[in-house]
Protein backbone atom coordinates (compact mmCIF):
# COMPACT_ATOMS: atom_id res chain seq x y z
CA MET A 1 18.88 -27.76 56.94
CA ALA A 2 20.95 -28.33 53.84
CA GLU A 3 20.75 -31.66 52.14
CA THR A 4 23.90 -33.66 52.58
CA GLY A 5 25.44 -36.21 50.30
CA SER A 6 28.48 -37.50 48.60
CA CYS A 7 30.27 -35.45 45.98
CA ASP A 8 29.68 -38.34 43.58
CA SER A 9 25.95 -37.58 43.58
CA CYS A 10 26.27 -33.78 43.46
CA ALA A 11 25.21 -31.80 40.40
CA TYR A 12 28.35 -29.65 40.70
CA TYR A 13 30.75 -32.60 40.51
CA GLY A 14 31.94 -32.69 36.91
CA TYR A 15 34.51 -34.36 34.73
CA ASP A 16 37.36 -32.32 33.24
CA GLU A 17 38.44 -33.92 29.97
CA ASP A 18 41.75 -32.04 29.89
CA ASP A 19 42.88 -33.38 33.27
CA GLU A 20 40.88 -36.62 32.97
CA ALA A 21 39.63 -36.23 36.53
CA TYR A 22 36.50 -35.23 38.45
CA TYR A 23 36.33 -31.87 40.25
CA CYS A 24 33.89 -29.77 42.22
CA MET A 25 32.80 -26.96 39.92
CA VAL A 26 31.74 -24.61 42.75
CA ASP A 27 33.99 -21.60 43.29
CA MET A 28 34.57 -21.82 47.07
CA ASP A 29 36.79 -19.52 49.09
CA GLU A 30 39.76 -20.93 51.02
CA ASP A 31 37.97 -20.98 54.38
CA GLU A 32 35.01 -22.98 53.07
CA LEU A 33 37.22 -25.47 51.27
CA GLY A 34 39.46 -25.94 54.30
CA ARG A 35 36.50 -26.51 56.58
CA LEU A 36 34.93 -28.96 54.11
CA LEU A 37 38.15 -30.99 53.91
CA THR A 38 38.95 -31.05 57.63
CA ASP A 39 35.60 -31.14 59.48
CA ARG A 40 33.70 -34.40 58.94
CA ARG A 41 30.47 -32.95 60.35
CA TYR A 42 30.48 -29.92 58.06
CA GLN A 43 27.77 -30.15 55.40
CA CYS A 44 28.56 -28.62 52.03
CA PRO A 45 26.21 -25.64 51.56
CA TYR A 46 26.39 -26.03 47.77
CA TYR A 47 25.36 -29.68 47.55
CA ARG A 48 22.58 -30.22 45.05
CA SER A 49 21.37 -33.70 44.19
CA ASP A 50 22.00 -34.79 40.63
CA ASP A 51 18.92 -37.02 40.79
CA GLU A 52 16.67 -35.69 38.01
CA TYR A 53 13.79 -38.00 38.97
CA LYS A 54 13.57 -37.01 42.64
CA ILE A 55 10.60 -34.68 42.07
CA VAL A 56 8.81 -37.20 39.88
CA ARG A 57 9.01 -39.88 42.57
CA ARG A 58 7.45 -37.46 45.09
CA GLN A 59 4.52 -36.83 42.77
CA MET A 60 3.66 -40.53 42.45
């Protein structure tokens, strides 16, 4: 099962200095984007945690 989380904690959520706004940097097709925006239960298949220390905490 894919890990779920907020876009704020995703590694693909980046800041665009030209627009001065945050955007998802994944190139999704229209169907995926529509489903992500309309279905609350849909889990983003591209979500990747931006927590660099996650592996280190598991090793402790």
